[in-house]
Amino acid sequence: MAIAKKPLSQPTITPDDTAEKFIMGASQAVPADNETKRAPVMIRFDTDLLRRVDQAAKSRGVSRSAWVQYTLSRALENGEG
């Protein structure tokens, strides 16, 4: 029977410079001032209207929030409201 070396308890992997730079830069990916430009809101929708909103968002491949924001901004630009 052959005698094998005891496996290392922790692998000795050194981080790649590229990966390390990516990890260190992750906190800088979204500027801090961007967080102050958006505010969470709570809006109540009629269930049928919400279903239609979800269908419209899905057909365009965007989130509900993105669709509502786009649609509202378009309406306001057209002088509605």
PDB file of N, CA and C in Angstrom:
ATOM      1  N   MET A   1       0.841  -1.164   0.000  1.00  0.00           N
ATOM      2  CA  MET A   1       0.000   0.000   0.000  1.00  0.00           C
ATOM      3  C   MET A   1       0.895   1.238   0.000  1.00  0.00           C
ATOM      4  N   ALA A   2       0.517   2.227  -0.842  1.00  0.00           N
ATOM      5  CA  ALA A   2       1.312   3.451  -0.962  1.00  0.00           C
ATOM      6  C   ALA A   2       0.882   4.454   0.099  1.00  0.00           C
ATOM      7  N   ILE A   3       1.842   5.208   0.554  1.00  0.00           N
ATOM      8  CA  ILE A   3       1.563   6.246   1.540  1.00  0.00           C
ATOM      9  C   ILE A   3       1.412   7.574   0.798  1.00  0.00           C
ATOM     10  N   ALA A   4       0.294   8.223   1.018  1.00  0.00           N
ATOM     11  CA  ALA A   4       0.014   9.502   0.337  1.00  0.00           C
ATOM     12  C   ALA A   4       0.248  10.648   1.298  1.00  0.00           C
ATOM     13  N   LYS A   5       0.579  11.799   0.748  1.00  0.00           N
ATOM     14  CA  LYS A   5       0.757  12.991   1.560  1.00  0.00           C
ATOM     15  C   LYS A   5      -0.584  13.428   2.130  1.00  0.00           C
ATOM     16  N   LYS A   6      -0.531  14.000   3.311  1.00  0.00           N
ATOM     17  CA  LYS A   6      -1.730  14.547   3.924  1.00  0.00           C
ATOM     18  C   LYS A   6      -2.149  15.779   3.114  1.00  0.00           C
ATOM     19  N   PRO A   7      -3.424  15.874   2.705  1.00  0.00           N
ATOM     20  CA  PRO A   7      -3.858  17.031   1.932  1.00  0.00           C
ATOM     21  C   PRO A   7      -3.793  18.303   2.777  1.00  0.00           C
ATOM     22  N   LEU A   8      -3.545  19.410   2.116  1.00  0.00           N
ATOM     23  CA  LEU A   8      -3.510  20.690   2.815  1.00  0.00           C
ATOM     24  C   LEU A   8      -4.898  21.030   3.340  1.00  0.00           C
ATOM     25  N   SER A   9      -4.962  21.562   4.554  1.00  0.00           N
ATOM     26  CA  SER A   9      -6.266  21.899   5.126  1.00  0.00           C
ATOM     27  C   SER A   9      -6.892  23.100   4.428  1.00  0.00           C
ATOM     28  N   GLN A  10      -6.054  24.029   3.964  1.00  0.00           N
ATOM     29  CA  GLN A  10      -6.544  25.177   3.216  1.00  0.00           C
ATOM     30  C   GLN A  10      -5.718  25.289   1.950  1.00  0.00           C
ATOM     31  N   PRO A  11      -6.389  25.339   0.804  1.00  0.00           N
ATOM     32  CA  PRO A  11      -5.624  25.443  -0.435  1.00  0.00           C
ATOM     33  C   PRO A  11      -4.857  26.766  -0.480  1.00  0.00           C
ATOM     34  N   THR A  12      -3.688  26.711  -1.040  1.00  0.00           N
ATOM     35  CA  THR A  12      -2.877  27.925  -1.131  1.00  0.00           C
ATOM     36  C   THR A  12      -3.116  28.564  -2.496  1.00  0.00           C
ATOM     37  N   ILE A  13      -4.178  29.341  -2.568  1.00  0.00           N
ATOM     38  CA  ILE A  13      -4.528  30.043  -3.798  1.00  0.00           C
ATOM     39  C   ILE A  13      -4.269  31.524  -3.581  1.00  0.00           C
ATOM     40  N   THR A  14      -3.478  32.086  -4.446  1.00  0.00           N
ATOM     41  CA  THR A  14      -3.232  33.519  -4.355  1.00  0.00           C
ATOM     42  C   THR A  14      -4.198  34.227  -5.300  1.00  0.00           C
ATOM     43  N   PRO A  15      -4.801  35.333  -4.854  1.00  0.00           N
ATOM     44  CA  PRO A  15      -5.779  36.005  -5.706  1.00  0.00           C
ATOM     45  C   PRO A  15      -5.124  36.621  -6.933  1.00  0.00           C
ATOM     46  N   ASP A  16      -5.810  36.522  -8.027  1.00  0.00           N
ATOM     47  CA  ASP A  16      -5.363  37.121  -9.276  1.00  0.00           C
ATOM     48  C   ASP A  16      -5.516  38.633  -9.169  1.00  0.00           C
ATOM     49  N   ASP A  17      -4.570  39.389  -9.705  1.00  0.00           N
ATOM     50  CA  ASP A  17      -4.643  40.848  -9.632  1.00  0.00           C
ATOM     51  C   ASP A  17      -5.927  41.383 -10.239  1.00  0.00           C
ATOM     52  N   THR A  18      -6.361  40.823 -11.353  1.00  0.00           N
ATOM     53  CA  THR A  18      -7.578  41.289 -12.008  1.00  0.00           C
ATOM     54  C   THR A  18      -8.786  41.082 -11.106  1.00  0.00           C
ATOM     55  N   ALA A  19      -8.882  39.914 -10.503  1.00  0.00           N
ATOM     56  CA  ALA A  19     -10.002  39.628  -9.612  1.00  0.00           C
ATOM     57  C   ALA A  19      -9.968  40.540  -8.396  1.00  0.00           C
ATOM     58  N   GLU A  20      -8.775  40.764  -7.868  1.00  0.00           N
ATOM     59  CA  GLU A  20      -8.642  41.630  -6.696  1.00  0.00           C
ATOM     60  C   GLU A  20      -9.075  43.058  -7.021  1.00  0.00           C
ATOM     61  N   LYS A  21      -8.677  43.567  -8.184  1.00  0.00           N
ATOM     62  CA  LYS A  21      -9.083  44.912  -8.594  1.00  0.00           C
ATOM     63  C   LYS A  21     -10.598  44.987  -8.764  1.00  0.00           C
ATOM     64  N   PHE A  22     -11.180  43.927  -9.317  1.00  0.00           N
ATOM     65  CA  PHE A  22     -12.631  43.899  -9.498  1.00  0.00           C
ATOM     66  C   PHE A  22     -13.346  43.963  -8.151  1.00  0.00           C
ATOM     67  N   ILE A  23     -12.886  43.170  -7.213  1.00  0.00           N
ATOM     68  CA  ILE A  23     -13.508  43.137  -5.893  1.00  0.00           C
ATOM     69  C   ILE A  23     -13.355  44.475  -5.194  1.00  0.00           C
ATOM     70  N   MET A  24     -12.180  45.058  -5.267  1.00  0.00           N
ATOM     71  CA  MET A  24     -11.936  46.343  -4.606  1.00  0.00           C
ATOM     72  C   MET A  24     -12.753  47.466  -5.246  1.00  0.00           C
ATOM     73  N   GLY A  25     -13.003  47.368  -6.545  1.00  0.00           N
ATOM     74  CA  GLY A  25     -13.749  48.409  -7.240  1.00  0.00           C
ATOM     75  C   GLY A  25     -15.248  48.238  -7.185  1.00  0.00           C
ATOM     76  N   ALA A  26     -15.725  47.133  -6.626  1.00  0.00           N
ATOM     77  CA  ALA A  26     -17.164  46.872  -6.602  1.00  0.00           C
ATOM     78  C   ALA A  26     -17.933  47.936  -5.837  1.00  0.00           C
ATOM     79  N   SER A  27     -17.363  48.435  -4.770  1.00  0.00           N
ATOM     80  CA  SER A  27     -18.056  49.455  -3.992  1.00  0.00           C
ATOM     81  C   SER A  27     -18.116  50.778  -4.737  1.00  0.00           C
ATOM     82  N   GLN A  28     -17.255  50.957  -5.734  1.00  0.00           N
ATOM     83  CA  GLN A  28     -17.233  52.187  -6.505  1.00  0.00           C
ATOM     84  C   GLN A  28     -18.042  52.071  -7.782  1.00  0.00           C
ATOM     85  N   ALA A  29     -18.652  50.914  -8.036  1.00  0.00           N
ATOM     86  CA  ALA A  29     -19.387  50.688  -9.278  1.00  0.00           C
ATOM     87  C   ALA A  29     -20.583  51.626  -9.408  1.00  0.00           C
ATOM     88  N   VAL A  30     -21.253  51.895  -8.314  1.00  0.00           N
ATOM     89  CA  VAL A  30     -22.399  52.798  -8.324  1.00  0.00           C
ATOM     90  C   VAL A  30     -22.019  54.015  -7.502  1.00  0.00           C
ATOM     91  N   PRO A  31     -21.981  55.176  -8.128  1.00  0.00           N
ATOM     92  CA  PRO A  31     -21.621  56.370  -7.366  1.00  0.00           C
ATOM     93  C   PRO A  31     -22.571  56.603  -6.201  1.00  0.00           C
ATOM     94  N   ALA A  32     -22.035  57.065  -5.100  1.00  0.00           N
ATOM     95  CA  ALA A  32     -22.841  57.282  -3.899  1.00  0.00           C
ATOM     96  C   ALA A  32     -23.954  58.284  -4.143  1.00  0.00           C
ATOM     97  N   ASP A  33     -23.704  59.302  -4.996  1.00  0.00           N
ATOM     98  CA  ASP A  33     -24.746  60.303  -5.224  1.00  0.00           C
ATOM     99  C   ASP A  33     -25.914  59.739  -6.023  1.00  0.00           C
ATOM    100  N   ASN A  34     -25.725  58.598  -6.712  1.00  0.00           N
ATOM    101  CA  ASN A  34     -26.818  57.980  -7.456  1.00  0.00           C
ATOM    102  C   ASN A  34     -27.907  57.481  -6.516  1.00  0.00           C
ATOM    103  N   GLU A  35     -27.515  57.083  -5.317  1.00  0.00           N
ATOM    104  CA  GLU A  35     -28.487  56.585  -4.350  1.00  0.00           C
ATOM    105  C   GLU A  35     -29.433  57.692  -3.900  1.00  0.00           C
ATOM    106  N   THR A  36     -28.972  58.923  -3.887  1.00  0.00           N
ATOM    107  CA  THR A  36     -29.823  60.024  -3.435  1.00  0.00           C
ATOM    108  C   THR A  36     -30.776  60.487  -4.519  1.00  0.00           C
ATOM    109  N   LYS A  37     -30.561  60.077  -5.745  1.00  0.00           N
ATOM    110  CA  LYS A  37     -31.426  60.490  -6.844  1.00  0.00           C
ATOM    111  C   LYS A  37     -32.681  59.637  -6.954  1.00  0.00           C
ATOM    112  N   ARG A  38     -32.719  58.534  -6.258  1.00  0.00           N
ATOM    113  CA  ARG A  38     -33.874  57.639  -6.325  1.00  0.00           C
ATOM    114  C   ARG A  38     -34.457  57.469  -4.928  1.00  0.00           C
ATOM    115  N   ALA A  39     -35.756  57.505  -4.887  1.00  0.00           N
ATOM    116  CA  ALA A  39     -36.438  57.348  -3.601  1.00  0.00           C
ATOM    117  C   ALA A  39     -37.464  56.224  -3.727  1.00  0.00           C
ATOM    118  N   PRO A  40     -37.504  55.330  -2.763  1.00  0.00           N
ATOM    119  CA  PRO A  40     -38.517  54.281  -2.801  1.00  0.00           C
ATOM    120  C   PRO A  40     -39.886  54.881  -2.511  1.00  0.00           C
ATOM    121  N   VAL A  41     -40.882  54.414  -3.225  1.00  0.00           N
ATOM    122  CA  VAL A  41     -42.259  54.880  -3.017  1.00  0.00           C
ATOM    123  C   VAL A  41     -43.181  53.675  -2.964  1.00  0.00           C
ATOM    124  N   MET A  42     -44.290  53.874  -2.319  1.00  0.00           N
ATOM    125  CA  MET A  42     -45.301  52.818  -2.269  1.00  0.00           C
ATOM    126  C   MET A  42     -46.547  53.335  -2.967  1.00  0.00           C
ATOM    127  N   ILE A  43     -46.963  52.630  -3.991  1.00  0.00           N
ATOM    128  CA  ILE A  43     -48.144  53.002  -4.758  1.00  0.00           C
ATOM    129  C   ILE A  43     -49.080  51.806  -4.772  1.00  0.00           C
ATOM    130  N   ARG A  44     -50.329  52.056  -4.568  1.00  0.00           N
ATOM    131  CA  ARG A  44     -51.316  50.970  -4.631  1.00  0.00           C
ATOM    132  C   ARG A  44     -52.006  51.007  -5.984  1.00  0.00           C
ATOM    133  N   PHE A  45     -52.054  49.846  -6.642  1.00  0.00           N
ATOM    134  CA  PHE A  45     -52.681  49.705  -7.946  1.00  0.00           C
ATOM    135  C   PHE A  45     -53.887  48.784  -7.834  1.00  0.00           C
ATOM    136  N   ASP A  46     -54.858  49.032  -8.656  1.00  0.00           N
ATOM    137  CA  ASP A  46     -55.948  48.087  -8.848  1.00  0.00           C
ATOM    138  C   ASP A  46     -55.319  46.805  -9.396  1.00  0.00           C
ATOM    139  N   THR A  47     -55.772  45.655  -8.950  1.00  0.00           N
ATOM    140  CA  THR A  47     -55.123  44.399  -9.338  1.00  0.00           C
ATOM    141  C   THR A  47     -55.154  44.165 -10.846  1.00  0.00           C
ATOM    142  N   ASP A  48     -56.245  44.547 -11.504  1.00  0.00           N
ATOM    143  CA  ASP A  48     -56.307  44.375 -12.960  1.00  0.00           C
ATOM    144  C   ASP A  48     -55.314  45.294 -13.666  1.00  0.00           C
ATOM    145  N   LEU A  49     -55.196  46.526 -13.193  1.00  0.00           N
ATOM    146  CA  LEU A  49     -54.239  47.457 -13.779  1.00  0.00           C
ATOM    147  C   LEU A  49     -52.812  46.956 -13.557  1.00  0.00           C
ATOM    148  N   LEU A  50     -52.524  46.453 -12.381  1.00  0.00           N
ATOM    149  CA  LEU A  50     -51.188  45.944 -12.079  1.00  0.00           C
ATOM    150  C   LEU A  50     -50.854  44.748 -12.973  1.00  0.00           C
ATOM    151  N   ARG A  51     -51.830  43.910 -13.225  1.00  0.00           N
ATOM    152  CA  ARG A  51     -51.626  42.767 -14.126  1.00  0.00           C
ATOM    153  C   ARG A  51     -51.269  43.265 -15.522  1.00  0.00           C
ATOM    154  N   ARG A  52     -51.954  44.307 -15.987  1.00  0.00           N
ATOM    155  CA  ARG A  52     -51.672  44.874 -17.312  1.00  0.00           C
ATOM    156  C   ARG A  52     -50.285  45.525 -17.350  1.00  0.00           C
ATOM    157  N   VAL A  53     -49.922  46.195 -16.263  1.00  0.00           N
ATOM    158  CA  VAL A  53     -48.592  46.798 -16.175  1.00  0.00           C
ATOM    159  C   VAL A  53     -47.530  45.707 -16.246  1.00  0.00           C
ATOM    160  N   ASP A  54     -47.722  44.639 -15.499  1.00  0.00           N
ATOM    161  CA  ASP A  54     -46.766  43.528 -15.503  1.00  0.00           C
ATOM    162  C   ASP A  54     -46.649  42.902 -16.891  1.00  0.00           C
ATOM    163  N   GLN A  55     -47.771  42.757 -17.585  1.00  0.00           N
ATOM    164  CA  GLN A  55     -47.742  42.197 -18.935  1.00  0.00           C
ATOM    165  C   GLN A  55     -46.974  43.119 -19.883  1.00  0.00           C
ATOM    166  N   ALA A  56     -47.216  44.424 -19.776  1.00  0.00           N
ATOM    167  CA  ALA A  56     -46.522  45.381 -20.637  1.00  0.00           C
ATOM    168  C   ALA A  56     -45.021  45.367 -20.364  1.00  0.00           C
ATOM    169  N   ALA A  57     -44.640  45.328 -19.095  1.00  0.00           N
ATOM    170  CA  ALA A  57     -43.224  45.298 -18.726  1.00  0.00           C
ATOM    171  C   ALA A  57     -42.572  44.019 -19.236  1.00  0.00           C
ATOM    172  N   LYS A  58     -43.251  42.903 -19.051  1.00  0.00           N
ATOM    173  CA  LYS A  58     -42.702  41.622 -19.485  1.00  0.00           C
ATOM    174  C   LYS A  58     -42.534  41.576 -21.000  1.00  0.00           C
ATOM    175  N   SER A  59     -43.511  42.105 -21.733  1.00  0.00           N
ATOM    176  CA  SER A  59     -43.418  42.068 -23.195  1.00  0.00           C
ATOM    177  C   SER A  59     -42.264  42.927 -23.703  1.00  0.00           C
ATOM    178  N   ARG A  60     -41.862  43.926 -22.917  1.00  0.00           N
ATOM    179  CA  ARG A  60     -40.735  44.777 -23.308  1.00  0.00           C
ATOM    180  C   ARG A  60     -39.425  44.322 -22.679  1.00  0.00           C
ATOM    181  N   GLY A  61     -39.504  43.308 -21.832  1.00  0.00           N
ATOM    182  CA  GLY A  61     -38.306  42.750 -21.228  1.00  0.00           C
ATOM    183  C   GLY A  61     -37.681  43.639 -20.167  1.00  0.00           C
ATOM    184  N   VAL A  62     -38.508  44.403 -19.456  1.00  0.00           N
ATOM    185  CA  VAL A  62     -38.007  45.277 -18.398  1.00  0.00           C
ATOM    186  C   VAL A  62     -38.760  44.987 -17.109  1.00  0.00           C
ATOM    187  N   SER A  63     -38.258  45.534 -16.014  1.00  0.00           N
ATOM    188  CA  SER A  63     -38.927  45.341 -14.734  1.00  0.00           C
ATOM    189  C   SER A  63     -40.174  46.224 -14.662  1.00  0.00           C
ATOM    190  N   ARG A  64     -41.023  45.916 -13.738  1.00  0.00           N
ATOM    191  CA  ARG A  64     -42.218  46.727 -13.503  1.00  0.00           C
ATOM    192  C   ARG A  64     -41.821  48.165 -13.191  1.00  0.00           C
ATOM    193  N   SER A  65     -40.840  48.319 -12.325  1.00  0.00           N
ATOM    194  CA  SER A  65     -40.389  49.641 -11.929  1.00  0.00           C
ATOM    195  C   SER A  65     -39.869  50.434 -13.128  1.00  0.00           C
ATOM    196  N   ALA A  66     -39.060  49.800 -13.959  1.00  0.00           N
ATOM    197  CA  ALA A  66     -38.513  50.475 -15.136  1.00  0.00           C
ATOM    198  C   ALA A  66     -39.628  50.888 -16.087  1.00  0.00           C
ATOM    199  N   TRP A  67     -40.603  50.023 -16.282  1.00  0.00           N
ATOM    200  CA  TRP A  67     -41.706  50.345 -17.186  1.00  0.00           C
ATOM    201  C   TRP A  67     -42.526  51.515 -16.647  1.00  0.00           C
ATOM    202  N   VAL A  68     -42.833  51.499 -15.364  1.00  0.00           N
ATOM    203  CA  VAL A  68     -43.615  52.586 -14.762  1.00  0.00           C
ATOM    204  C   VAL A  68     -42.840  53.901 -14.861  1.00  0.00           C
ATOM    205  N   GLN A  69     -41.547  53.883 -14.547  1.00  0.00           N
ATOM    206  CA  GLN A  69     -40.740  55.097 -14.631  1.00  0.00           C
ATOM    207  C   GLN A  69     -40.708  55.643 -16.061  1.00  0.00           C
ATOM    208  N   TYR A  70     -40.501  54.762 -17.026  1.00  0.00           N
ATOM    209  CA  TYR A  70     -40.440  55.188 -18.423  1.00  0.00           C
ATOM    210  C   TYR A  70     -41.776  55.775 -18.866  1.00  0.00           C
ATOM    211  N   THR A  71     -42.843  55.081 -18.544  1.00  0.00           N
ATOM    212  CA  THR A  71     -44.171  55.521 -18.972  1.00  0.00           C
ATOM    213  C   THR A  71     -44.549  56.845 -18.326  1.00  0.00           C
ATOM    214  N   LEU A  72     -44.250  57.001 -17.052  1.00  0.00           N
ATOM    215  CA  LEU A  72     -44.544  58.269 -16.387  1.00  0.00           C
ATOM    216  C   LEU A  72     -43.709  59.412 -16.935  1.00  0.00           C
ATOM    217  N   SER A  73     -42.435  59.163 -17.195  1.00  0.00           N
ATOM    218  CA  SER A  73     -41.583  60.234 -17.721  1.00  0.00           C
ATOM    219  C   SER A  73     -42.037  60.622 -19.121  1.00  0.00           C
ATOM    220  N   ARG A  74     -42.454  59.653 -19.914  1.00  0.00           N
ATOM    221  CA  ARG A  74     -42.955  59.940 -21.268  1.00  0.00           C
ATOM    222  C   ARG A  74     -44.224  60.769 -21.211  1.00  0.00           C
ATOM    223  N   ALA A  75     -45.140  60.410 -20.279  1.00  0.00           N
ATOM    224  CA  ALA A  75     -46.383  61.166 -20.127  1.00  0.00           C
ATOM    225  C   ALA A  75     -46.106  62.601 -19.700  1.00  0.00           C
ATOM    226  N   LEU A  76     -45.176  62.779 -18.765  1.00  0.00           N
ATOM    227  CA  LEU A  76     -44.855  64.120 -18.295  1.00  0.00           C
ATOM    228  C   LEU A  76     -44.180  64.969 -19.378  1.00  0.00           C
ATOM    229  N   GLU A  77     -43.341  64.338 -20.188  1.00  0.00           N
ATOM    230  CA  GLU A  77     -42.704  65.046 -21.292  1.00  0.00           C
ATOM    231  C   GLU A  77     -43.716  65.494 -22.327  1.00  0.00           C
ATOM    232  N   ASN A  78     -44.806  64.743 -22.451  1.00  0.00           N
ATOM    233  CA  ASN A  78     -45.861  65.086 -23.418  1.00  0.00           C
ATOM    234  C   ASN A  78     -46.851  66.085 -22.850  1.00  0.00           C
ATOM    235  N   GLY A  79     -46.551  66.628 -21.677  1.00  0.00           N
ATOM    236  CA  GLY A  79     -47.387  67.666 -21.106  1.00  0.00           C
ATOM    237  C   GLY A  79     -48.579  67.172 -20.301  1.00  0.00           C
ATOM    238  N   GLU A  80     -48.626  65.884 -20.037  1.00  0.00           N
ATOM    239  CA  GLU A  80     -49.717  65.347 -19.215  1.00  0.00           C
ATOM    240  C   GLU A  80     -49.361  65.552 -17.748  1.00  0.00           C
ATOM    241  N   GLY A  81     -50.353  65.942 -16.996  1.00  0.00           N
ATOM    242  CA  GLY A  81     -50.116  66.059 -15.564  1.00  0.00           C
ATOM    243  C   GLY A  81     -49.825  67.396 -15.049  1.00  0.00           C
TER     244      GLY A  81
END
